[in-house]
Amino acid sequence: MKRINFKFTLETGIKTIKVIIPVCLMILAFSCENMNSLHEKYLNRGETLYIGAADSIIVRSGLNKIGFEWKINADPRIAKTVIYWNQRDTGVTIPLRRTSEGEMWLSAVLNDIAEGEYIFEFEIQDNNGNISKSVEIAGSVLGDIYVENLRNRGIKSLAKLVSGEMQINWEAVSATATSLLYSVVQYVNTQGQEMKIEVENDEETTLLQGLETGDDVEIYSVHFPENGLELFNSLKRRFTMPKFEREIAKSRFVAAFKPGDNTTPHPGGGDQDYLKPITDFGVGQRSLAKIWDGGSANNTNGMTILHTEDQSGNASARFKFPHHFTFDIGVPASLSRLQIWCRTDNAAFTGHSPRFFELWATDAPKEVEDFPTKDDFEKYYRTTYVTQKDPGNYLSSSDPLYVDKVTQAQANSRNYVSPEPEQGIYNWQNDWVKLGDFEITKPSASNYNTSNDADKALWSGGSDFNLIDVKKKVRYLRLVIKYPNWQNTNCINLGEITIYGDDI
């Protein structure tokens, strides 16, 4: 085997070392440069002593705010906590005020933050620039969108009770509505006091005092969200207190005759009979009081209908259409509905029963002492502005809506229909309110003295009319019956009336 000999002289070794050392220095410098780039944010700070990080962070959501609680260790160098969000574009510094040695809980609330989801970074610092490891935590800031979606507790119904109290009937709170704590009813009572009633979730009904029909209440529910910072109120809902309706007791009704009222047969048909005592009816007379005695048929013994003196064909009759009847219902009431029965022992839609009428009301009618003279009082009540039907046209066989054929319609019209008085005369209608202008319609619209089952059912069951809401309580009513009746005579038959409303 051939031997190879390597000869290194001192000069050769020195040359070799001179080459190796620069290469190693270059490699080392390159490696250090890469390490610096990885830790640049720390190296730029110079020599740093790391301190304990924030621990056990709790997040609580509020309205355009967010709250935190966190724990720090016992390191006495800790001077502050810095909280960053929006990728560190926004931050706030919370100075430390130690109240105890050792571990300590801190808290802070950040205000005026837009609704949304955020990542927050907690960094503990001392006064020499030493920092802790950054700790991230997610948090929600609540706002208008959250509030708009909060549920109000549902209401089944609102009712006014006989006691005068308003009652709210609540729907049950769902088991899933865990954030709903209670509900609130707010209103101003009739004494001008602001009322605020808290309603627990297990309360099924709530009674409200000091409210009238048409008054408003506001209702909202109070919520506390999971991990919430504060209570939240749902948007308020407004409710209007409903009407109370029951039959006005007829036992309190009395006649309250005024000039112009048809006083036949009470007591004898005189034009001044309105001045006689209202209890002077006479035995067996079919008087005004019969329309609230509970019967609508002409009974031989009870005489249970109103039947005025028949003055048909008499051009000088004491009473002509429109016929007036005034009575007192005995109590102030907000009236809502009227039922009226014609004379039900007659064939349907025949006889002297009314077809067109108006109902007027007041809380306090003027009396004779309110006028300079008795003549002024008389003129005030006898003057009535109504538009009556012209039977010569309205009830003719050629009428497009009604085919009733009544004999001598035009002649009777001249006898029975009083012309409208001259406009501008001060009269009772200036002070009373009209509750309605009504027509008792015939379902079949068939000829006079003919009827079908629908006609008969309405005639026996009565006609139902809603009254205009005049926003006030009234006590005195004036029934104005207009021409023509169903038989085209100058006479009125009326079986019964029932009035509904709020009299509490």
Protein backbone atom coordinates (compact mmCIF):
# COMPACT_ATOMS: atom_id res chain seq x y z
CA MET A 1 0.00 0.00 0.00
CA LYS A 2 1.27 3.39 -0.91
CA ARG A 3 1.75 5.80 1.97
CA ILE A 4 0.67 9.37 1.60
CA ASN A 5 2.33 11.96 3.71
CA PHE A 6 0.74 15.29 4.63
CA LYS A 7 3.07 18.00 5.62
CA PHE A 8 1.76 21.10 7.42
CA THR A 9 4.05 23.85 8.06
CA LEU A 10 3.42 26.60 10.55
CA GLU A 11 2.92 28.97 7.71
CA THR A 12 0.24 26.78 6.15
CA GLY A 13 -1.73 26.47 9.44
CA ILE A 14 -1.80 30.18 9.94
CA LYS A 15 -3.16 30.70 6.47
CA THR A 16 -5.88 28.11 7.08
CA ILE A 17 -6.99 29.70 10.35
CA LYS A 18 -7.18 33.07 8.66
CA VAL A 19 -9.72 31.63 6.24
CA ILE A 20 -11.88 29.71 8.77
CA ILE A 21 -12.33 32.43 11.37
CA PRO A 22 -14.02 35.00 9.04
CA VAL A 23 -16.38 32.32 7.77
CA CYS A 24 -17.41 31.35 11.30
CA LEU A 25 -17.97 34.99 12.22
CA MET A 26 -20.23 35.47 9.22
CA ILE A 27 -22.32 32.43 10.15
CA LEU A 28 -22.64 33.58 13.76
CA ALA A 29 -23.68 37.06 12.73
CA PHE A 30 -26.36 35.70 10.39
CA SER A 31 -27.78 33.43 13.10
CA CYS A 32 -27.95 36.27 15.62
CA GLU A 33 -29.75 38.48 13.13
CA ASN A 34 -32.52 35.85 12.68
CA MET A 35 -32.90 35.46 16.45
CA ASN A 36 -33.24 39.20 16.89
CA SER A 37 -36.07 39.33 14.35
CA LEU A 38 -38.01 36.68 16.29
CA HIS A 39 -37.79 38.55 19.58
CA GLU A 40 -37.53 42.09 18.32
CA LYS A 41 -40.45 43.44 20.37
CA TYR A 42 -38.78 42.21 23.54
CA LEU A 43 -35.17 43.02 22.64
CA ASN A 44 -36.06 46.60 21.78
CA ARG A 45 -37.17 47.07 25.37
CA GLY A 46 -33.72 46.21 26.62
CA GLU A 47 -33.28 44.11 29.67
CA THR A 48 -36.77 43.15 31.05
CA LEU A 49 -37.94 41.41 34.22
CA TYR A 50 -41.28 39.66 33.62
CA ILE A 51 -43.96 39.89 36.30
CA GLY A 52 -47.10 37.85 36.99
CA ALA A 53 -49.92 37.95 34.47
CA ALA A 54 -53.60 38.77 35.11
CA ASP A 55 -55.45 35.75 36.40
CA SER A 56 -59.07 34.48 36.67
CA ILE A 57 -60.51 37.25 34.46
CA ILE A 58 -64.32 37.66 34.68
CA VAL A 59 -66.23 39.57 31.98
CA ARG A 60 -69.59 41.32 32.54
CA SER A 61 -71.63 42.87 29.71
CA GLY A 62 -73.43 46.22 29.97
CA LEU A 63 -75.16 48.83 27.81
CA ASN A 64 -72.38 50.26 25.64
CA LYS A 65 -69.99 49.28 28.39
CA ILE A 66 -68.16 46.24 29.68
CA GLY A 67 -66.90 45.33 33.13
CA PHE A 68 -63.95 43.18 34.22
CA GLU A 69 -62.69 41.58 37.39
CA TRP A 70 -59.22 40.04 37.54
CA LYS A 71 -56.68 38.86 40.07
CA ILE A 72 -53.04 39.90 40.48
CA ASN A 73 -50.35 38.23 42.55
CA ALA A 74 -48.41 39.60 45.51
CA ASP A 75 -45.55 41.11 43.48
CA PRO A 76 -45.02 44.58 45.03
CA ARG A 77 -43.63 45.94 41.77
CA ILE A 78 -47.05 45.79 40.03
CA ALA A 79 -48.22 49.33 39.34
CA LYS A 80 -50.96 49.10 36.72
CA THR A 81 -52.99 47.00 34.32
CA VAL A 82 -53.28 47.94 30.67
CA ILE A 83 -56.31 46.63 28.74
CA TYR A 84 -56.09 46.66 24.93
CA TRP A 85 -58.73 45.97 22.26
CA ASN A 86 -59.24 46.54 18.55
CA GLN A 87 -55.91 44.76 17.92
CA ARG A 88 -54.17 47.06 20.41
CA ASP A 89 -55.33 50.18 18.57
CA THR A 90 -57.30 51.15 21.68
CA GLY A 91 -56.27 50.78 25.29
CA VAL A 92 -56.84 52.01 28.81
CA THR A 93 -54.56 52.03 31.82
CA ILE A 94 -55.92 51.03 35.24
CA PRO A 95 -53.58 52.23 38.06
CA LEU A 96 -53.17 49.89 41.02
CA ARG A 97 -54.09 51.00 44.50
CA ARG A 98 -53.17 48.20 46.81
CA THR A 99 -55.50 47.69 49.73
CA SER A 100 -54.00 44.41 50.91
CA GLU A 101 -50.86 42.34 50.68
CA GLY A 102 -50.76 39.15 48.69
CA GLU A 103 -53.18 38.32 45.90
CA MET A 104 -55.76 40.97 45.16
CA TRP A 105 -58.89 41.33 43.01
CA LEU A 106 -59.21 44.36 40.75
CA SER A 107 -62.15 45.65 38.72
CA ALA A 108 -62.84 48.18 36.00
CA VAL A 109 -65.68 49.30 33.71
CA LEU A 110 -65.00 50.54 30.18
CA ASN A 111 -67.66 53.00 28.94
CA ASP A 112 -68.79 54.36 25.57
CA ILE A 113 -67.97 51.26 23.56
CA ALA A 114 -69.96 50.35 20.47
CA GLU A 115 -72.14 47.25 20.60
CA GLY A 116 -70.31 44.15 19.41
CA GLU A 117 -67.95 41.27 20.13
CA TYR A 118 -64.35 42.06 21.14
CA ILE A 119 -61.02 40.42 22.09
CA PHE A 120 -59.42 42.16 25.06
CA GLU A 121 -55.74 41.81 26.10
CA PHE A 122 -54.65 42.24 29.72
CA GLU A 123 -51.08 43.22 30.46
CA ILE A 124 -49.67 43.86 33.94
CA GLN A 125 -46.89 46.48 34.18
CA ASP A 126 -44.61 48.06 36.76
CA ASN A 127 -43.20 51.57 36.71
CA ASN A 128 -39.91 50.46 35.11
CA GLY A 129 -41.37 49.07 31.90
CA ASN A 130 -41.45 45.46 33.05
CA ILE A 131 -44.51 43.61 31.79
CA SER A 132 -46.44 40.39 32.17
CA LYS A 133 -47.42 37.91 29.55
CA SER A 134 -50.47 39.19 27.65
CA VAL A 135 -53.74 37.38 28.46
CA GLU A 136 -56.58 37.46 25.92
CA ILE A 137 -60.29 37.10 26.69
CA ALA A 138 -63.47 37.56 24.61
CA GLY A 139 -66.25 39.90 25.72
CA SER A 140 -69.61 41.27 24.49
CA VAL A 141 -70.78 44.88 24.64
CA LEU A 142 -74.59 45.20 24.52
CA GLY A 143 -76.52 48.03 22.88
CA ASP A 144 -79.69 49.12 21.09
CA ILE A 145 -80.01 45.92 19.05
CA TYR A 146 -79.92 43.84 22.21
CA VAL A 147 -82.53 46.04 23.92
CA GLU A 148 -84.84 45.99 20.89
CA ASN A 149 -84.91 42.20 21.02
CA LEU A 150 -85.71 41.92 24.73
CA ARG A 151 -89.13 40.37 25.28
CA ASN A 152 -91.93 41.99 27.21
CA ARG A 153 -94.08 39.76 29.34
CA GLY A 154 -97.24 38.95 27.43
CA ILE A 155 -100.71 40.19 28.41
CA LYS A 156 -103.78 38.02 27.98
CA SER A 157 -106.35 40.75 28.51
CA LEU A 158 -107.24 44.06 30.11
CA ALA A 159 -110.55 44.61 31.83
CA LYS A 160 -112.35 47.19 33.92
CA LEU A 161 -114.02 45.67 36.97
CA VAL A 162 -117.25 46.60 38.70
CA SER A 163 -115.12 47.92 41.56
CA GLY A 164 -113.69 50.52 39.17
CA GLU A 165 -110.23 48.94 39.20
CA MET A 166 -108.45 47.97 36.01
CA GLN A 167 -107.20 44.38 35.84
CA ILE A 168 -104.27 43.04 33.84
CA ASN A 169 -104.33 39.30 33.14
CA TRP A 170 -100.76 38.17 32.40
CA GLU A 171 -99.43 35.37 30.26
CA ALA A 172 -97.11 32.92 32.04
CA VAL A 173 -93.38 33.64 31.84
CA SER A 174 -91.63 31.02 29.72
CA ALA A 175 -89.10 28.78 31.47
CA THR A 176 -86.62 29.76 28.76
CA ALA A 177 -86.90 33.47 29.59
CA THR A 178 -84.20 33.13 32.25
CA SER A 179 -83.09 36.77 32.05
CA LEU A 180 -86.57 38.21 32.81
CA LEU A 181 -86.66 39.23 36.49
CA TYR A 182 -89.96 41.12 36.80
CA SER A 183 -92.24 43.54 34.92
CA VAL A 184 -93.24 47.14 35.59
CA VAL A 185 -96.52 49.02 35.05
CA GLN A 186 -96.30 52.83 34.98
CA TYR A 187 -99.11 55.37 34.75
CA VAL A 188 -100.43 58.66 36.07
CA ASN A 189 -103.56 58.18 38.17
CA THR A 190 -106.63 60.40 38.29
CA GLN A 191 -105.02 62.40 41.15
CA GLY A 192 -102.02 63.26 38.96
CA GLN A 193 -99.69 60.92 40.86
CA GLU A 194 -97.07 58.89 39.00
CA MET A 195 -97.55 55.22 39.81
CA LYS A 196 -94.95 52.45 39.36
CA ILE A 197 -95.94 48.86 40.15
CA GLU A 198 -93.49 45.96 40.03
CA VAL A 199 -95.03 42.64 38.99
CA GLU A 200 -93.35 39.37 39.94
CA ASN A 201 -93.09 36.60 37.35
CA ASP A 202 -95.49 34.31 39.21
CA GLU A 203 -98.20 36.99 39.49
CA GLU A 204 -101.13 36.13 37.22
CA THR A 205 -103.29 39.25 37.69
CA THR A 206 -102.55 42.83 38.68
CA LEU A 207 -105.12 45.39 39.85
CA LEU A 208 -104.60 49.06 38.99
CA GLN A 209 -106.40 51.84 40.82
CA GLY A 210 -107.04 55.44 39.81
CA LEU A 211 -107.57 54.83 36.10
CA GLU A 212 -110.47 55.61 33.77
CA THR A 213 -111.49 54.24 30.41
CA GLY A 214 -109.19 55.67 27.75
CA ASP A 215 -106.27 56.26 30.13
CA ASP A 216 -102.88 54.85 29.09
CA VAL A 217 -100.39 52.71 30.97
CA GLU A 218 -96.85 51.76 29.95
CA ILE A 219 -95.52 48.27 30.57
CA TYR A 220 -91.98 46.92 30.28
CA SER A 221 -89.98 43.97 31.60
CA VAL A 222 -86.69 44.09 33.49
CA HIS A 223 -83.94 41.68 32.39
CA PHE A 224 -80.55 40.69 33.79
CA PRO A 225 -78.49 38.92 31.12
CA GLU A 226 -76.12 36.08 31.89
CA ASN A 227 -72.80 37.57 33.08
CA GLY A 228 -74.53 40.95 33.06
CA LEU A 229 -73.13 44.16 34.45
CA GLU A 230 -76.51 45.86 34.96
CA LEU A 231 -80.29 45.56 34.56
CA PHE A 232 -81.90 46.12 31.16
CA ASN A 233 -85.42 47.40 30.47
CA SER A 234 -87.28 46.15 27.42
CA LEU A 235 -88.90 48.74 25.18
CA LYS A 236 -92.09 50.13 26.73
CA ARG A 237 -95.45 49.11 25.33
CA ARG A 238 -98.46 51.38 25.74
CA PHE A 239 -101.93 50.07 26.51
CA THR A 240 -105.22 51.96 26.66
CA MET A 241 -107.60 51.05 29.42
CA PRO A 242 -110.72 49.41 27.97
CA LYS A 243 -114.33 50.32 28.27
CA PHE A 244 -116.49 48.73 30.89
CA GLU A 245 -119.88 47.74 29.57
CA ARG A 246 -122.89 46.46 31.39
CA GLU A 247 -126.62 47.04 31.19
CA ILE A 248 -127.61 50.30 32.85
CA ALA A 249 -130.12 49.36 35.54
CA LYS A 250 -133.61 50.26 34.33
CA SER A 251 -134.91 50.50 37.88
CA ARG A 252 -133.45 54.02 38.03
CA PHE A 253 -135.01 55.27 34.78
CA VAL A 254 -137.66 57.99 35.07
CA ALA A 255 -139.40 60.26 32.61
CA ALA A 256 -137.96 63.79 32.42
CA PHE A 257 -140.38 65.60 30.12
CA LYS A 258 -139.30 68.78 28.36
CA PRO A 259 -141.24 71.20 26.11
CA GLY A 260 -141.97 69.56 22.78
CA ASP A 261 -142.04 66.02 24.22
CA ASN A 262 -145.00 63.90 23.19
CA THR A 263 -146.71 63.51 26.56
CA THR A 264 -149.62 61.41 25.31
CA PRO A 265 -150.81 59.37 27.09
CA HIS A 266 -149.09 60.98 30.11
CA PRO A 267 -151.34 62.04 31.57
CA GLY A 268 -153.80 63.31 29.03
CA GLY A 269 -152.10 64.58 25.88
CA GLY A 270 -151.95 68.29 26.67
CA ASP A 271 -149.24 70.46 25.17
CA GLN A 272 -148.18 71.57 28.68
CA ASP A 273 -148.20 68.12 30.26
CA TYR A 274 -144.44 68.21 30.64
CA LEU A 275 -145.08 70.46 33.68
CA LYS A 276 -147.07 67.80 35.49
CA PRO A 277 -145.43 65.46 38.04
CA ILE A 278 -143.65 62.60 36.35
CA THR A 279 -145.35 60.11 38.68
CA ASP A 280 -148.81 61.11 37.43
CA PHE A 281 -149.22 58.38 34.82
CA GLY A 282 -152.73 57.19 35.46
CA VAL A 283 -153.83 53.58 35.69
CA GLY A 284 -153.31 51.45 32.62
CA GLN A 285 -151.78 54.14 30.49
CA ARG A 286 -149.25 52.98 27.94
CA SER A 287 -146.76 55.66 28.96
CA LEU A 288 -143.10 56.35 28.36
CA ALA A 289 -142.16 54.27 31.40
CA LYS A 290 -143.36 51.17 29.56
CA ILE A 291 -140.26 51.16 27.34
CA TRP A 292 -138.10 50.14 30.32
CA ASP A 293 -140.49 47.74 32.07
CA GLY A 294 -139.03 44.59 30.50
CA GLY A 295 -141.77 43.81 27.97
CA SER A 296 -142.11 44.61 24.26
CA ALA A 297 -145.61 43.34 23.47
CA ASN A 298 -148.96 45.07 24.06
CA ASN A 299 -150.28 43.08 27.00
CA THR A 300 -153.93 43.46 27.94
CA ASN A 301 -153.13 43.65 31.65
CA GLY A 302 -149.62 45.03 31.77
CA MET A 303 -149.84 47.45 28.85
CA THR A 304 -146.10 46.98 28.29
CA ILE A 305 -145.54 49.28 25.32
CA LEU A 306 -145.44 53.00 24.74
CA HIS A 307 -148.47 53.97 22.69
CA THR A 308 -149.02 57.65 21.93
CA GLU A 309 -152.31 59.15 20.86
CA ASP A 310 -153.01 58.39 17.21
CA GLN A 311 -153.59 61.75 15.50
CA SER A 312 -153.31 60.46 11.96
CA GLY A 313 -154.85 62.68 9.33
CA ASN A 314 -155.08 65.64 11.73
CA ALA A 315 -153.21 68.58 10.25
CA SER A 316 -153.55 70.50 13.53
CA ALA A 317 -152.38 67.65 15.80
CA ARG A 318 -150.67 68.75 19.03
CA PHE A 319 -147.64 66.54 18.31
CA LYS A 320 -146.14 65.89 14.91
CA PHE A 321 -142.95 64.26 13.70
CA PRO A 322 -140.28 64.38 14.89
CA HIS A 323 -141.63 63.04 18.20
CA HIS A 324 -139.48 63.67 21.30
CA PHE A 325 -139.19 61.64 24.50
CA THR A 326 -136.82 62.71 27.30
CA PHE A 327 -135.84 60.53 30.27
CA ASP A 328 -133.29 60.27 33.04
CA ILE A 329 -131.28 57.03 33.35
CA GLY A 330 -130.56 57.84 36.99
CA VAL A 331 -126.74 57.78 36.94
CA PRO A 332 -123.96 59.43 34.91
CA ALA A 333 -122.57 56.89 32.46
CA SER A 334 -120.38 56.55 29.39
CA LEU A 335 -122.84 54.93 27.00
CA SER A 336 -121.75 52.48 24.34
CA ARG A 337 -124.70 50.50 22.99
CA LEU A 338 -128.47 50.57 22.58
CA GLN A 339 -130.94 47.77 21.93
CA ILE A 340 -134.43 48.68 20.82
CA TRP A 341 -137.54 46.57 20.30
CA CYS A 342 -140.56 47.70 18.34
CA ARG A 343 -144.03 46.44 19.23
CA THR A 344 -143.35 42.74 18.88
CA ASP A 345 -146.97 41.52 19.00
CA ASN A 346 -147.53 43.26 15.66
CA ALA A 347 -146.47 41.60 12.43
CA ALA A 348 -142.85 42.25 11.58
CA PHE A 349 -142.16 45.75 10.23
CA THR A 350 -145.73 46.99 10.44
CA GLY A 351 -147.73 49.34 12.63
CA HIS A 352 -146.79 52.54 14.40
CA SER A 353 -143.30 51.36 15.40
CA PRO A 354 -140.37 53.64 14.57
CA ARG A 355 -138.12 53.28 11.57
CA PHE A 356 -135.79 56.30 11.83
CA PHE A 357 -134.60 57.86 15.09
CA GLU A 358 -131.85 59.85 16.74
CA LEU A 359 -130.54 59.61 20.31
CA TRP A 360 -129.16 62.67 22.10
CA ALA A 361 -127.64 63.03 25.56
CA THR A 362 -126.48 65.51 28.19
CA ASP A 363 -125.21 65.40 31.73
CA ALA A 364 -127.26 68.42 32.89
CA PRO A 365 -130.25 69.70 30.88
CA LYS A 366 -131.24 73.34 31.07
CA GLU A 367 -134.33 74.11 33.14
CA VAL A 368 -136.83 76.96 33.04
CA GLU A 369 -134.87 78.95 35.63
CA ASP A 370 -131.92 79.09 33.21
CA PHE A 371 -133.89 81.36 30.82
CA PRO A 372 -135.13 84.96 30.99
CA THR A 373 -138.70 83.88 30.27
CA LYS A 374 -140.77 80.73 30.05
CA ASP A 375 -141.27 81.44 26.35
CA ASP A 376 -137.51 81.31 25.82
CA PHE A 377 -137.42 77.97 27.65
CA GLU A 378 -140.24 76.63 25.47
CA LYS A 379 -138.63 77.79 22.24
CA TYR A 380 -135.28 76.29 23.27
CA TYR A 381 -136.71 72.76 23.61
CA ARG A 382 -139.38 72.82 20.91
CA THR A 383 -136.94 73.83 18.18
CA THR A 384 -135.36 70.76 16.59
CA TYR A 385 -133.17 70.50 13.50
CA VAL A 386 -133.60 67.10 11.86
CA THR A 387 -133.61 65.82 8.32
CA GLN A 388 -136.71 63.65 7.96
CA LYS A 389 -137.45 61.28 5.13
CA ASP A 390 -139.78 62.38 2.36
CA PRO A 391 -142.25 59.48 2.19
CA GLY A 392 -143.57 60.68 -1.14
CA ASN A 393 -140.28 59.57 -2.68
CA TYR A 394 -138.50 57.44 -0.13
CA LEU A 395 -141.27 54.88 0.27
CA SER A 396 -142.52 54.89 -3.32
CA SER A 397 -142.69 51.66 -5.30
CA SER A 398 -140.03 53.03 -7.67
CA ASP A 399 -137.46 53.67 -4.92
CA PRO A 400 -134.22 51.78 -5.76
CA LEU A 401 -133.54 50.74 -2.16
CA TYR A 402 -136.96 50.22 -0.61
CA VAL A 403 -140.12 48.93 -2.26
CA ASP A 404 -142.52 49.62 0.61
CA LYS A 405 -145.85 50.86 -0.74
CA VAL A 406 -147.72 53.11 1.70
CA THR A 407 -150.97 54.79 0.76
CA GLN A 408 -151.45 58.54 0.91
CA ALA A 409 -147.77 59.05 1.69
CA GLN A 410 -147.54 62.62 0.42
CA ALA A 411 -150.76 63.76 2.07
CA ASN A 412 -149.72 62.31 5.43
CA SER A 413 -146.27 63.82 5.04
CA ARG A 414 -147.78 67.29 4.83
CA ASN A 415 -149.78 66.61 8.01
CA TYR A 416 -147.14 64.89 10.10
CA VAL A 417 -143.75 66.34 9.20
CA SER A 418 -142.88 69.62 10.86
CA PRO A 419 -140.66 71.75 8.60
CA GLU A 420 -137.11 72.40 9.75
CA PRO A 421 -136.98 75.67 11.67
CA GLU A 422 -135.00 78.62 10.51
CA GLN A 423 -131.28 78.14 11.05
CA GLY A 424 -129.51 80.20 13.70
CA ILE A 425 -132.06 79.68 16.46
CA TYR A 426 -130.43 78.73 19.75
CA ASN A 427 -131.89 75.39 20.78
CA TRP A 428 -131.25 72.33 22.93
CA GLN A 429 -129.14 70.60 20.27
CA ASN A 430 -126.44 73.22 20.82
CA ASP A 431 -125.89 71.81 24.32
CA TRP A 432 -126.67 68.11 23.92
CA VAL A 433 -124.52 65.56 22.07
CA LYS A 434 -125.78 63.19 19.42
CA LEU A 435 -125.14 59.53 20.24
CA GLY A 436 -126.32 58.35 16.85
CA ASP A 437 -128.66 58.67 13.87
CA PHE A 438 -130.23 55.26 13.22
CA GLU A 439 -132.50 53.29 10.96
CA ILE A 440 -134.18 50.02 11.91
CA THR A 441 -133.63 48.22 8.64
CA LYS A 442 -135.78 45.45 7.24
CA PRO A 443 -133.52 42.55 6.18
CA SER A 444 -135.67 41.47 3.25
CA ALA A 445 -136.53 45.02 2.06
CA SER A 446 -139.81 43.49 0.95
CA ASN A 447 -143.17 45.22 0.51
CA TYR A 448 -145.15 46.45 3.49
CA ASN A 449 -147.02 43.73 5.39
CA THR A 450 -144.83 40.96 3.94
CA SER A 451 -141.87 39.46 5.76
CA ASN A 452 -139.54 36.47 5.78
CA ASP A 453 -137.89 34.55 8.61
CA ALA A 454 -134.99 37.04 8.88
CA ASP A 455 -137.47 39.92 9.23
CA LYS A 456 -139.37 38.07 11.97
CA ALA A 457 -136.19 37.15 13.86
CA LEU A 458 -134.96 40.75 13.97
CA TRP A 459 -138.39 42.07 14.92
CA SER A 460 -138.67 39.74 17.92
CA GLY A 461 -134.98 39.87 18.87
CA GLY A 462 -134.55 43.63 18.68
CA SER A 463 -132.08 45.85 16.85
CA ASP A 464 -128.63 46.57 18.25
CA PHE A 465 -126.85 49.91 17.68
CA ASN A 466 -123.42 51.13 18.73
CA LEU A 467 -123.43 54.63 20.18
CA ILE A 468 -120.94 57.35 19.34
CA ASP A 469 -118.23 57.68 21.99
CA VAL A 470 -118.67 61.26 23.15
CA LYS A 471 -115.80 61.05 25.70
CA LYS A 472 -118.00 62.10 28.59
CA LYS A 473 -120.55 60.74 30.99
CA VAL A 474 -124.19 61.60 30.40
CA ARG A 475 -127.39 61.05 32.33
CA TYR A 476 -130.31 62.47 30.34
CA LEU A 477 -131.40 61.05 26.99
CA ARG A 478 -133.71 62.48 24.35
CA LEU A 479 -135.15 60.07 21.82
CA VAL A 480 -136.11 61.82 18.57
CA ILE A 481 -138.30 59.60 16.36
CA LYS A 482 -138.48 60.81 12.77
CA TYR A 483 -140.99 60.39 10.00
CA PRO A 484 -142.18 57.96 8.75
CA ASN A 485 -143.06 55.03 10.98
CA TRP A 486 -143.80 51.67 9.34
CA GLN A 487 -147.49 52.40 8.85
CA ASN A 488 -147.12 56.04 7.84
CA THR A 489 -149.26 57.27 10.73
CA ASN A 490 -148.87 60.08 13.27
CA CYS A 491 -148.47 57.71 16.21
CA ILE A 492 -145.64 55.96 18.06
CA ASN A 493 -145.52 52.39 19.36
CA LEU A 494 -142.32 51.35 21.12
CA GLY A 495 -141.78 48.10 22.99
CA GLU A 496 -138.52 48.29 24.97
CA ILE A 497 -135.05 49.80 25.14
CA THR A 498 -131.90 48.51 26.83
CA ILE A 499 -128.86 50.72 27.25
CA TYR A 500 -125.30 49.56 27.91
CA GLY A 501 -122.30 51.47 29.15
CA ASP A 502 -119.98 52.29 32.01
CA ASP A 503 -121.84 53.64 35.02
CA ILE A 504 -119.13 53.15 37.67
